[in-house]
N, C-alpha and C. Protein backbone atom coordinates (compact mmCIF):
# COMPACT_ATOMS: atom_id res chain seq x y z
N MET A 1 -85.13 -104.12 -21.37
CA MET A 1 -84.14 -103.00 -23.19
C MET A 1 -84.97 -101.92 -23.27
N THR A 2 -86.35 -101.74 -22.47
CA THR A 2 -86.96 -100.79 -23.09
C THR A 2 -86.63 -99.85 -21.27
N ASN A 3 -86.36 -100.67 -20.64
CA ASN A 3 -85.81 -99.56 -19.65
C ASN A 3 -84.40 -99.12 -20.06
N LEU A 4 -83.40 -99.48 -20.52
CA LEU A 4 -82.09 -98.89 -21.03
C LEU A 4 -82.28 -97.87 -21.94
N LEU A 5 -83.23 -98.08 -22.75
CA LEU A 5 -83.50 -97.11 -23.60
C LEU A 5 -84.23 -95.84 -23.06
N GLY A 6 -84.85 -95.80 -22.21
CA GLY A 6 -85.49 -95.36 -21.42
C GLY A 6 -84.35 -94.34 -20.23
N LEU A 7 -83.83 -94.94 -20.14
CA LEU A 7 -82.66 -94.35 -19.42
C LEU A 7 -81.26 -93.47 -19.72
N VAL A 8 -81.03 -93.77 -21.19
CA VAL A 8 -80.89 -93.25 -22.63
C VAL A 8 -81.35 -91.67 -23.06
N PHE A 9 -82.26 -92.02 -23.17
CA PHE A 9 -82.72 -90.87 -23.53
C PHE A 9 -83.31 -89.94 -22.57
N ASP A 10 -83.65 -90.71 -20.92
CA ASP A 10 -83.29 -89.37 -19.94
C ASP A 10 -81.79 -88.86 -19.88
N GLY A 11 -80.60 -90.10 -20.11
CA GLY A 11 -79.36 -88.95 -19.67
C GLY A 11 -79.27 -88.38 -20.52
N GLY A 12 -79.54 -88.11 -22.19
CA GLY A 12 -79.87 -87.41 -22.87
C GLY A 12 -80.64 -86.13 -23.05
N LEU A 13 -81.52 -85.76 -22.11
CA LEU A 13 -82.14 -85.05 -21.62
C LEU A 13 -81.85 -84.01 -20.86
N ALA A 14 -81.03 -84.69 -19.89
CA ALA A 14 -80.28 -83.98 -18.78
C ALA A 14 -79.31 -83.47 -19.20
N VAL A 15 -78.40 -83.76 -20.23
CA VAL A 15 -77.27 -83.21 -20.60
C VAL A 15 -77.59 -82.26 -21.21
N LEU A 16 -79.11 -82.13 -22.23
CA LEU A 16 -79.39 -81.19 -22.81
C LEU A 16 -79.90 -80.50 -22.07
N LEU A 17 -80.19 -80.64 -20.86
CA LEU A 17 -80.85 -79.10 -20.15
C LEU A 17 -79.57 -78.71 -18.95
N MET A 18 -78.68 -79.33 -19.42
CA MET A 18 -77.29 -78.90 -18.80
C MET A 18 -76.86 -77.84 -19.33
N VAL A 19 -76.49 -78.32 -20.67
CA VAL A 19 -76.59 -77.28 -21.99
C VAL A 19 -76.93 -75.95 -21.92
N THR A 20 -78.50 -76.12 -22.00
CA THR A 20 -79.16 -74.97 -21.65
C THR A 20 -79.62 -74.43 -20.99
N ILE A 21 -79.31 -74.97 -19.23
CA ILE A 21 -78.95 -74.12 -17.82
C ILE A 21 -77.44 -73.26 -18.40
N GLY A 22 -76.41 -73.59 -18.92
CA GLY A 22 -75.29 -72.85 -19.14
C GLY A 22 -75.42 -71.72 -20.15
N TYR A 23 -76.19 -72.30 -20.86
CA TYR A 23 -76.08 -70.64 -22.25
C TYR A 23 -77.44 -69.91 -21.49
N CYS A 24 -78.20 -69.97 -20.75
CA CYS A 24 -78.87 -69.02 -19.99
C CYS A 24 -78.08 -68.29 -18.88
N ALA A 25 -77.23 -69.33 -18.02
CA ALA A 25 -76.86 -68.55 -17.47
C ALA A 25 -75.77 -67.05 -18.09
N ARG A 26 -75.02 -67.86 -18.85
CA ARG A 26 -74.41 -66.89 -20.22
C ARG A 26 -75.15 -65.36 -20.32
N LEU A 27 -76.52 -65.76 -21.23
CA LEU A 27 -77.50 -64.89 -21.29
C LEU A 27 -77.72 -64.44 -21.09
N SER A 28 -77.98 -64.01 -19.36
CA SER A 28 -78.14 -63.84 -18.28
C SER A 28 -77.03 -62.66 -17.86
N ARG A 29 -75.69 -63.24 -17.81
CA ARG A 29 -74.79 -62.44 -17.93
C ARG A 29 -74.53 -61.59 -18.86
N ARG A 30 -74.78 -61.73 -20.15
CA ARG A 30 -74.51 -60.69 -20.68
C ARG A 30 -75.80 -59.31 -21.07
N ILE A 31 -76.89 -60.12 -20.48
CA ILE A 31 -78.49 -59.06 -20.44
C ILE A 31 -77.60 -57.60 -19.27
N ARG A 32 -77.08 -58.56 -18.26
CA ARG A 32 -76.67 -57.61 -17.21
C ARG A 32 -75.73 -56.92 -17.35
N GLN A 33 -74.84 -57.34 -18.26
CA GLN A 33 -73.59 -56.42 -18.45
C GLN A 33 -73.91 -54.85 -19.99
N MET A 34 -74.55 -55.43 -20.68
CA MET A 34 -75.82 -55.25 -21.04
C MET A 34 -76.67 -53.64 -20.48
N GLN A 35 -77.33 -53.51 -19.11
CA GLN A 35 -78.05 -53.05 -18.58
C GLN A 35 -77.18 -51.97 -17.74
N ASP A 36 -76.06 -52.57 -17.48
CA ASP A 36 -74.58 -51.86 -16.67
C ASP A 36 -74.40 -50.85 -18.02
N SER A 37 -74.06 -51.32 -19.09
CA SER A 37 -73.51 -50.56 -20.30
C SER A 37 -74.51 -49.20 -20.54
N ARG A 38 -75.65 -49.87 -20.83
CA ARG A 38 -76.80 -48.59 -20.62
C ARG A 38 -77.12 -47.84 -20.02
N GLY A 39 -76.90 -47.87 -18.41
CA GLY A 39 -76.36 -47.02 -17.96
C GLY A 39 -75.96 -45.95 -17.92
N GLU A 40 -74.88 -46.28 -17.82
CA GLU A 40 -73.20 -45.92 -18.58
C GLU A 40 -74.10 -44.89 -20.06
N LEU A 41 -74.44 -45.48 -20.84
CA LEU A 41 -74.72 -44.32 -22.18
C LEU A 41 -75.26 -43.67 -21.87
N ALA A 42 -76.36 -43.95 -20.27
CA ALA A 42 -77.35 -42.65 -20.43
C ALA A 42 -76.86 -41.62 -19.75
N GLY A 43 -75.84 -41.91 -18.86
CA GLY A 43 -75.02 -41.03 -18.40
C GLY A 43 -74.52 -40.01 -19.28
N MET A 44 -73.62 -40.64 -20.02
CA MET A 44 -72.90 -40.01 -21.46
C MET A 44 -73.91 -39.14 -22.04
N ILE A 45 -74.84 -39.61 -22.91
CA ILE A 45 -75.60 -39.14 -22.63
C ILE A 45 -76.27 -37.54 -22.49
N ALA A 46 -76.59 -37.82 -20.84
CA ALA A 46 -77.06 -36.37 -20.27
C ALA A 46 -75.46 -35.18 -20.46
N ARG A 47 -74.70 -36.10 -20.43
CA ARG A 47 -72.89 -35.43 -19.90
C ARG A 47 -72.84 -34.60 -21.58
N PHE A 48 -73.30 -35.26 -22.65
CA PHE A 48 -73.52 -34.41 -23.67
C PHE A 48 -73.99 -33.05 -24.13
N ASP A 49 -75.03 -33.43 -23.22
CA ASP A 49 -76.68 -32.84 -23.13
C ASP A 49 -76.23 -31.75 -22.94
N GLN A 50 -76.04 -31.36 -21.55
CA GLN A 50 -74.52 -30.34 -20.59
C GLN A 50 -73.88 -29.54 -21.80
N ALA A 51 -72.78 -30.54 -21.98
CA ALA A 51 -72.17 -30.05 -22.66
C ALA A 51 -72.58 -29.17 -24.12
N THR A 52 -73.70 -29.83 -24.86
CA THR A 52 -74.35 -29.12 -25.76
C THR A 52 -74.90 -27.89 -25.48
N THR A 53 -75.72 -27.67 -24.17
CA THR A 53 -76.06 -26.67 -24.06
C THR A 53 -75.57 -25.67 -23.11
N ARG A 54 -74.40 -25.64 -22.98
CA ARG A 54 -73.44 -24.93 -22.46
C ARG A 54 -72.72 -23.95 -23.73
N ALA A 55 -72.48 -25.13 -24.88
CA ALA A 55 -71.98 -23.91 -25.84
C ALA A 55 -72.81 -23.53 -27.17
N THR A 56 -73.65 -23.84 -26.82
CA THR A 56 -75.14 -22.79 -27.44
C THR A 56 -74.59 -22.26 -26.52
N ALA A 57 -74.79 -21.91 -25.24
CA ALA A 57 -74.96 -20.55 -24.57
C ALA A 57 -73.85 -19.50 -25.21
N SER A 58 -72.39 -20.05 -24.82
CA SER A 58 -71.19 -19.49 -25.34
C SER A 58 -70.96 -18.66 -26.34
N LEU A 59 -71.78 -19.60 -27.40
CA LEU A 59 -72.16 -19.20 -28.96
C LEU A 59 -72.88 -17.99 -29.11
N ALA A 60 -73.72 -18.23 -28.29
CA ALA A 60 -74.66 -16.84 -28.16
C ALA A 60 -74.24 -15.53 -27.80
N GLU A 61 -73.57 -15.93 -26.31
CA GLU A 61 -72.46 -14.72 -25.81
C GLU A 61 -71.45 -14.51 -27.21
N LEU A 62 -70.97 -15.16 -27.57
CA LEU A 62 -69.40 -14.20 -28.44
C LEU A 62 -69.85 -13.77 -29.38
N GLN A 63 -71.44 -13.96 -29.91
CA GLN A 63 -72.29 -13.49 -30.76
C GLN A 63 -72.42 -12.03 -30.90
N ALA A 64 -72.21 -11.89 -29.23
CA ALA A 64 -73.23 -10.95 -28.41
C ALA A 64 -71.48 -10.03 -28.70
N VAL A 65 -70.67 -9.94 -28.09
CA VAL A 65 -69.26 -9.73 -28.03
C VAL A 65 -69.17 -9.06 -29.10
N SER A 66 -69.25 -10.44 -30.46
CA SER A 66 -68.60 -9.73 -31.36
C SER A 66 -69.59 -8.48 -32.16
N LYS A 67 -71.24 -8.39 -31.73
CA LYS A 67 -71.34 -7.64 -32.02
C LYS A 67 -70.83 -6.06 -31.62
N ARG A 68 -70.88 -6.12 -30.49
CA ARG A 68 -70.25 -5.05 -29.87
C ARG A 68 -68.68 -4.06 -30.43
N ILE A 69 -68.26 -5.56 -30.08
CA ILE A 69 -67.21 -5.21 -31.10
C ILE A 69 -66.60 -4.41 -32.14
N THR A 70 -67.76 -5.14 -33.30
CA THR A 70 -68.11 -4.65 -34.18
C THR A 70 -68.63 -3.12 -34.08
N ASP A 71 -68.91 -3.07 -33.82
CA ASP A 71 -70.52 -1.54 -33.37
C ASP A 71 -69.22 -0.54 -33.16
N ALA A 72 -68.26 -0.60 -31.74
CA ALA A 72 -67.39 0.03 -31.60
C ALA A 72 -65.77 0.46 -32.10
N LEU A 73 -65.77 -0.65 -33.02
CA LEU A 73 -64.39 -0.42 -34.45
C LEU A 73 -64.98 0.26 -35.27
N GLN A 74 -66.25 -0.07 -36.00
CA GLN A 74 -67.19 0.81 -36.37
C GLN A 74 -67.10 2.35 -36.58
N LEU A 75 -67.56 2.50 -35.14
CA LEU A 75 -67.61 4.44 -34.45
C LEU A 75 -66.08 4.77 -34.69
N LYS A 76 -65.11 4.08 -34.18
CA LYS A 76 -63.57 4.03 -34.21
C LYS A 76 -63.23 5.00 -35.17
N ILE A 77 -63.75 3.75 -36.68
CA ILE A 77 -63.52 4.27 -37.83
C ILE A 77 -64.01 5.14 -38.57
N GLU A 78 -65.10 5.60 -37.73
CA GLU A 78 -66.00 6.98 -38.45
C GLU A 78 -65.13 7.82 -37.97
N LYS A 79 -64.61 7.98 -36.48
CA LYS A 79 -64.25 8.98 -35.72
C LYS A 79 -63.01 9.22 -36.38
N ALA A 80 -61.80 8.60 -36.79
CA ALA A 80 -60.82 8.35 -37.69
C ALA A 80 -60.69 9.24 -39.31
N ASN A 81 -61.62 8.61 -39.65
CA ASN A 81 -62.18 9.54 -41.18
C ASN A 81 -62.41 10.64 -40.89
N PHE A 82 -63.41 10.91 -39.84
CA PHE A 82 -63.46 13.02 -39.80
C PHE A 82 -62.57 13.22 -39.30
N MET A 83 -61.88 12.84 -38.46
CA MET A 83 -60.42 13.53 -37.81
C MET A 83 -59.04 14.16 -39.52
N ALA A 84 -59.56 12.36 -39.98
CA ALA A 84 -58.25 12.14 -41.28
C ALA A 84 -58.76 13.52 -41.88
N ASP A 85 -60.49 14.20 -42.55
CA ASP A 85 -60.30 15.26 -43.63
C ASP A 85 -60.76 16.34 -42.76
N ASP A 86 -60.77 16.54 -41.20
CA ASP A 86 -60.39 17.59 -40.43
C ASP A 86 -59.01 17.94 -40.91
N LEU A 87 -58.08 17.08 -40.91
CA LEU A 87 -56.34 17.00 -40.57
C LEU A 87 -56.31 17.42 -42.23
N ALA A 88 -56.71 17.06 -43.43
CA ALA A 88 -56.24 17.16 -44.22
C ALA A 88 -57.09 18.71 -44.69
N PHE A 89 -58.19 18.78 -44.07
CA PHE A 89 -58.37 20.84 -44.27
C PHE A 89 -57.08 21.31 -43.57
N LEU A 90 -56.95 21.11 -42.37
CA LEU A 90 -56.57 22.15 -41.92
C LEU A 90 -54.88 22.20 -42.70
N ILE A 91 -53.88 21.14 -42.67
CA ILE A 91 -53.22 21.25 -43.87
C ILE A 91 -53.44 22.31 -45.19
N GLU A 92 -54.15 21.59 -45.93
CA GLU A 92 -54.42 22.41 -47.14
C GLU A 92 -54.57 23.89 -46.83
N LYS A 93 -55.48 24.22 -45.75
CA LYS A 93 -54.89 25.56 -45.24
C LYS A 93 -54.01 26.32 -44.59
N SER A 94 -52.90 25.64 -44.53
CA SER A 94 -51.71 25.69 -44.12
C SER A 94 -50.47 26.03 -45.49
N SER A 95 -51.35 24.95 -45.96
CA SER A 95 -50.09 24.98 -47.31
C SER A 95 -50.30 26.36 -47.88
N LYS A 96 -51.83 26.72 -47.89
CA LYS A 96 -51.46 28.10 -49.01
C LYS A 96 -51.53 29.42 -48.02
N LEU A 97 -51.66 28.87 -46.77
CA LEU A 97 -51.17 30.45 -45.85
C LEU A 97 -49.58 30.94 -45.93
N ILE A 98 -48.60 29.14 -46.30
CA ILE A 98 -47.03 29.47 -46.02
C ILE A 98 -47.07 30.04 -47.47
N VAL A 99 -47.54 29.31 -48.82
CA VAL A 99 -47.40 29.67 -50.23
C VAL A 99 -47.37 31.24 -50.20
N GLN A 100 -48.56 31.79 -49.43
CA GLN A 100 -48.64 33.11 -49.15
C GLN A 100 -48.02 34.03 -48.55
N LEU A 101 -47.34 33.71 -47.84
CA LEU A 101 -46.42 34.13 -46.99
C LEU A 101 -45.15 34.47 -47.67
N GLU A 102 -44.95 32.88 -48.36
CA GLU A 102 -43.33 33.12 -49.37
C GLU A 102 -43.61 34.23 -50.19
N GLN A 103 -44.94 34.64 -50.67
CA GLN A 103 -44.94 34.93 -52.02
C GLN A 103 -44.50 36.50 -51.11
N ALA A 104 -45.64 36.90 -49.89
CA ALA A 104 -45.17 38.23 -49.72
C ALA A 104 -43.64 38.62 -48.78
N LYS A 105 -43.08 37.72 -49.10
CA LYS A 105 -41.55 37.82 -48.42
C LYS A 105 -41.11 38.19 -50.15
N THR A 106 -41.48 37.39 -50.83
CA THR A 106 -40.25 38.46 -52.16
C THR A 106 -41.03 39.22 -53.14
N GLU A 107 -42.08 39.84 -52.52
CA GLU A 107 -42.35 41.05 -53.04
C GLU A 107 -41.72 41.92 -52.45
N PRO A 108 -41.43 43.16 -53.35
CA PRO A 108 -40.27 44.14 -53.03
C PRO A 108 -41.14 45.20 -51.95
N ALA A 109 -40.55 45.45 -50.70
CA ALA A 109 -41.22 46.47 -50.02
C ALA A 109 -41.39 48.09 -50.86
N LYS A 110 -42.49 48.77 -50.50
CA LYS A 110 -42.66 49.88 -51.35
C LYS A 110 -41.84 50.82 -50.27
N SER A 111 -41.59 51.42 -50.81
CA SER A 111 -41.51 53.29 -50.14
C SER A 111 -42.05 53.93 -49.23
N PRO A 112 -41.57 54.50 -48.34
CA PRO A 112 -42.43 55.44 -47.42
C PRO A 112 -43.22 56.54 -48.19
N ALA A 113 -42.82 56.66 -49.18
CA ALA A 113 -43.56 58.17 -50.14
C ALA A 113 -44.48 57.26 -50.54
N GLU A 114 -44.35 56.53 -51.61
CA GLU A 114 -45.40 55.27 -52.14
C GLU A 114 -46.52 54.75 -51.28
N THR A 115 -45.91 54.63 -49.77
CA THR A 115 -47.34 54.00 -48.73
C THR A 115 -48.14 55.32 -48.86
N GLN A 116 -47.55 56.46 -48.44
CA GLN A 116 -48.23 57.61 -47.98
C GLN A 116 -49.56 57.64 -48.75
N SER A 117 -48.91 58.33 -50.07
CA SER A 117 -49.51 59.18 -51.17
C SER A 117 -50.62 57.70 -51.92
N SER A 118 -50.18 56.69 -51.58
CA SER A 118 -51.17 55.99 -52.09
C SER A 118 -52.28 55.96 -51.08
N LYS A 119 -53.61 56.16 -51.61
CA LYS A 119 -54.98 55.09 -51.03
C LYS A 119 -54.82 54.27 -50.33
N PRO A 120 -55.07 53.60 -48.90
CA PRO A 120 -54.86 52.56 -48.42
C PRO A 120 -56.06 51.60 -48.79
N LYS A 121 -55.70 50.36 -49.34
CA LYS A 121 -56.35 50.04 -49.98
C LYS A 121 -57.25 48.55 -49.34
N PRO A 122 -58.04 47.97 -48.86
CA PRO A 122 -58.77 47.35 -47.80
C PRO A 122 -57.81 46.28 -48.15
N ALA A 123 -57.76 45.45 -47.26
CA ALA A 123 -57.40 44.00 -47.08
C ALA A 123 -58.01 43.01 -47.56
N VAL A 124 -57.25 42.35 -48.58
CA VAL A 124 -58.20 41.28 -49.21
C VAL A 124 -56.99 39.63 -49.16
N TRP A 125 -57.56 39.02 -49.34
CA TRP A 125 -56.32 37.87 -49.29
C TRP A 125 -56.91 37.39 -50.44
N HIS A 126 -56.00 37.29 -51.39
CA HIS A 126 -55.50 36.25 -52.77
C HIS A 126 -55.50 34.88 -52.35
N LEU A 127 -56.24 34.13 -52.82
CA LEU A 127 -55.42 32.85 -52.91
C LEU A 127 -54.94 32.21 -54.05
N PRO A 128 -53.82 31.76 -53.73
CA PRO A 128 -52.92 31.39 -54.45
C PRO A 128 -52.74 30.15 -55.01
N PRO A 129 -52.63 29.74 -56.70
CA PRO A 129 -53.42 27.92 -56.43
C PRO A 129 -52.09 27.17 -55.35
N PRO A 130 -52.93 26.01 -55.27
CA PRO A 130 -52.00 24.70 -54.01
C PRO A 130 -50.92 24.72 -54.93
N PRO A 131 -50.04 25.01 -53.74
CA PRO A 131 -48.76 24.29 -54.02
C PRO A 131 -48.51 23.00 -55.09
N GLN A 132 -47.58 23.45 -55.87
CA GLN A 132 -47.07 21.89 -56.87
C GLN A 132 -46.27 20.75 -55.53
N GLU A 133 -46.50 19.52 -55.84
CA GLU A 133 -45.58 18.49 -55.39
C GLU A 133 -43.88 18.71 -54.97
N THR A 134 -43.78 18.96 -55.85
CA THR A 134 -41.77 19.47 -56.53
C THR A 134 -41.51 20.64 -55.40
N GLN A 135 -42.04 21.57 -55.22
CA GLN A 135 -41.91 22.68 -54.56
C GLN A 135 -42.49 22.31 -52.94
N ALA A 136 -42.64 21.86 -52.19
CA ALA A 136 -43.24 21.35 -50.97
C ALA A 136 -42.44 22.06 -50.15
N PRO A 137 -42.22 22.93 -49.76
CA PRO A 137 -41.73 23.26 -48.28
C PRO A 137 -40.95 22.32 -47.61
N SER A 138 -40.07 22.49 -46.81
CA SER A 138 -39.80 21.37 -45.74
C SER A 138 -40.79 21.37 -44.25
N PRO A 139 -40.70 20.35 -43.56
CA PRO A 139 -41.57 20.37 -42.62
C PRO A 139 -41.09 21.58 -41.66
N ALA A 140 -40.05 21.76 -41.72
CA ALA A 140 -39.28 22.54 -40.33
C ALA A 140 -40.28 24.09 -40.24
N LYS A 141 -39.84 24.63 -42.10
CA LYS A 141 -40.04 25.60 -42.80
C LYS A 141 -41.23 26.17 -42.59
N SER A 142 -42.18 24.94 -42.79
CA SER A 142 -43.73 25.20 -42.86
C SER A 142 -44.06 25.05 -41.73
N ALA A 143 -43.52 24.80 -40.56
CA ALA A 143 -43.90 25.00 -39.09
C ALA A 143 -43.58 26.30 -38.37
N ALA A 144 -42.00 26.94 -38.57
CA ALA A 144 -42.01 27.90 -38.54
C ALA A 144 -42.16 28.59 -39.26
N SER A 145 -43.48 28.80 -41.31
CA SER A 145 -43.83 29.66 -41.09
C SER A 145 -45.24 30.21 -40.34
N LEU A 146 -45.74 28.65 -40.06
CA LEU A 146 -47.04 29.09 -39.73
C LEU A 146 -47.08 30.17 -38.42
N GLU A 147 -46.39 29.34 -37.89
CA GLU A 147 -46.24 29.78 -36.23
C GLU A 147 -45.64 31.18 -36.55
N ALA A 148 -45.64 31.80 -37.04
CA ALA A 148 -45.01 33.09 -37.57
C ALA A 148 -46.66 33.79 -37.62
N LEU A 149 -46.95 33.50 -38.79
CA LEU A 149 -48.35 33.81 -39.01
C LEU A 149 -49.17 33.51 -37.75
N LEU A 150 -49.65 32.98 -37.49
CA LEU A 150 -50.14 32.81 -36.18
C LEU A 150 -49.89 34.04 -35.06
N ASN A 151 -48.76 33.99 -35.00
CA ASN A 151 -47.86 34.92 -33.89
C ASN A 151 -48.67 36.44 -34.93
N HIS A 152 -48.43 35.91 -35.97
CA HIS A 152 -48.60 37.96 -36.24
C HIS A 152 -50.17 38.48 -36.28
N LEU A 153 -50.78 37.34 -36.30
CA LEU A 153 -52.04 37.11 -36.44
C LEU A 153 -52.52 37.66 -35.69
N ALA A 154 -52.01 36.81 -34.01
CA ALA A 154 -52.85 37.16 -32.91
C ALA A 154 -52.00 38.85 -32.14
N SER A 155 -51.03 39.43 -32.89
CA SER A 155 -50.34 40.27 -32.22
C SER A 155 -50.71 41.45 -32.83
N SER A 156 -51.70 41.07 -33.88
CA SER A 156 -51.91 43.02 -35.06
C SER A 156 -53.66 42.74 -34.13
N ALA A 157 -53.66 42.70 -33.43
CA ALA A 157 -54.94 43.20 -33.00
C ALA A 157 -54.81 44.51 -32.41
N GLY A 158 -53.53 44.38 -30.78
CA GLY A 158 -53.15 44.95 -30.60
C GLY A 158 -52.00 45.91 -30.68
N ALA A 159 -51.31 45.64 -31.28
CA ALA A 159 -50.07 46.13 -31.82
C ALA A 159 -50.07 46.84 -33.47
N PRO A 160 -49.35 48.17 -32.98
CA PRO A 160 -49.34 48.69 -34.38
C PRO A 160 -48.61 47.94 -35.47
N ALA A 161 -49.24 47.76 -37.09
CA ALA A 161 -48.25 46.80 -37.91
C ALA A 161 -47.52 47.22 -38.19
N PRO A 162 -46.12 46.26 -38.82
CA PRO A 162 -45.10 46.56 -38.95
C PRO A 162 -45.37 46.91 -40.08
N ALA A 163 -43.40 47.63 -40.38
CA ALA A 163 -43.22 47.99 -41.64
C ALA A 163 -43.16 46.93 -42.86
N GLY A 164 -43.45 46.05 -42.55
CA GLY A 164 -43.23 44.50 -43.44
C GLY A 164 -44.49 44.51 -44.38
N PRO A 165 -45.00 43.51 -45.32
CA PRO A 165 -46.44 43.49 -45.59
C PRO A 165 -47.22 43.35 -44.80
N LYS A 166 -48.65 43.90 -45.41
CA LYS A 166 -49.66 44.22 -44.60
C LYS A 166 -50.63 43.07 -44.72
N PHE A 167 -51.30 42.51 -43.62
CA PHE A 167 -52.07 41.58 -43.31
C PHE A 167 -53.42 42.33 -42.99
N PRO A 168 -54.25 41.74 -42.96
CA PRO A 168 -55.73 41.61 -42.78
C PRO A 168 -56.05 42.00 -40.94
N ALA A 169 -56.71 43.13 -40.31
CA ALA A 169 -56.36 42.98 -38.92
C ALA A 169 -57.25 41.49 -38.40
N VAL A 170 -57.09 40.35 -38.46
CA VAL A 170 -58.16 39.71 -37.52
C VAL A 170 -58.24 39.56 -35.93
N PRO A 171 -59.10 39.72 -35.27
CA PRO A 171 -58.92 38.76 -33.91
C PRO A 171 -58.63 37.69 -33.42
N PRO A 172 -57.72 37.49 -32.71
CA PRO A 172 -56.79 36.23 -32.44
C PRO A 172 -58.04 35.46 -31.95
N GLN A 173 -58.51 34.43 -32.52
CA GLN A 173 -58.67 33.37 -32.32
C GLN A 173 -59.06 32.53 -30.80
N PRO A 174 -59.95 32.65 -30.03
CA PRO A 174 -59.90 32.32 -28.70
C PRO A 174 -59.34 30.77 -29.04
N GLN A 175 -58.49 30.17 -27.48
CA GLN A 175 -57.87 28.97 -27.71
C GLN A 175 -59.24 28.06 -26.93
N ALA A 176 -59.97 28.41 -26.58
CA ALA A 176 -61.64 27.72 -26.67
C ALA A 176 -61.84 27.08 -27.75
N ALA A 177 -61.85 27.82 -28.90
CA ALA A 177 -63.17 28.17 -30.15
C ALA A 177 -61.96 27.82 -30.71
N ARG A 178 -60.91 27.12 -30.98
CA ARG A 178 -59.98 26.28 -31.68
C ARG A 178 -60.53 25.01 -31.82
N THR A 179 -60.65 24.08 -32.79
CA THR A 179 -60.90 22.85 -32.78
C THR A 179 -60.14 21.59 -32.17
N GLY A 180 -60.27 20.97 -31.90
CA GLY A 180 -59.36 19.65 -31.17
C GLY A 180 -58.41 19.59 -32.21
N ALA A 181 -58.52 19.52 -33.58
CA ALA A 181 -57.41 19.09 -34.55
C ALA A 181 -56.72 20.40 -35.05
N GLU A 182 -57.14 21.80 -34.58
CA GLU A 182 -56.37 22.50 -34.89
C GLU A 182 -55.66 22.66 -33.57
N ARG A 183 -55.96 22.36 -32.59
CA ARG A 183 -54.56 22.14 -31.16
C ARG A 183 -53.83 21.62 -31.11
N GLU A 184 -53.92 19.93 -32.09
CA GLU A 184 -53.77 19.09 -32.05
C GLU A 184 -52.17 19.28 -33.46
N LEU A 185 -52.90 19.96 -34.60
CA LEU A 185 -51.48 20.59 -35.00
C LEU A 185 -50.77 21.72 -35.00
N MET A 186 -51.41 22.17 -34.43
CA MET A 186 -50.13 23.26 -33.63
C MET A 186 -49.11 22.84 -32.52
N ALA A 187 -49.76 21.69 -31.85
CA ALA A 187 -48.82 21.12 -30.91
C ALA A 187 -47.50 19.89 -31.82
N ALA A 188 -47.95 19.69 -32.97
CA ALA A 188 -47.48 18.96 -33.64
C ALA A 188 -46.60 19.86 -34.44
N LEU A 189 -46.86 20.88 -34.56
CA LEU A 189 -45.83 22.27 -35.34
C LEU A 189 -44.85 22.45 -34.26
N LYS A 190 -45.28 21.91 -33.23
CA LYS A 190 -44.30 23.01 -32.28
C LYS A 190 -43.44 22.31 -31.90
N THR A 191 -43.94 20.82 -32.38
CA THR A 191 -42.59 19.96 -31.63
C THR A 191 -42.02 19.67 -33.06
N GLY A 192 -42.33 19.70 -34.37
CA GLY A 192 -41.83 19.15 -35.18
C GLY A 192 -40.46 20.04 -35.86
N SER A 193 -41.25 21.42 -35.19
CA SER A 193 -40.22 22.90 -35.75
C SER A 193 -39.16 22.77 -34.32
N ARG A 194 -38.61 21.99 -33.70
CA ARG A 194 -37.84 21.76 -32.71
C ARG A 194 -36.95 21.12 -32.94
């Protein structure tokens, strides 16, 4: 009977050992899978690190490009503001000259006897008040008047003065001495009057 009991005990131990071996085999497979996954995870982490480094470098480059563009844009804005101020000044000057020309046209011309008897007075420009917005001349008329004035001033240096209203003798301004804004204004007036 003791032999039978020892045999049953040995059989139970053998079954338990078989179950333990099966569990160990499964555990070994799982550990191997985990190690393989760990290698893949390490590769993914390395790729993620490289992507992060590239993104940081791209961000720094983007900030530098953005700063250069902002500086260039600010310079263009400052130039545009300067040219707008210059153009506003030239428009104001031309408006005053147009009003003065129109006033000179409307004044009655003196007879030759009056002009000879009267002493010659020095030519003085009297600046009229700025034109009212409701009496603004048309662009074509303004361009023609301004161009006529400039032509008169240019020709008055070497030619005798006409019998019309007296303007002060101003030497013609050389083309190179004009500012870029004046040249652009003249070109715009010439094209606008056509």
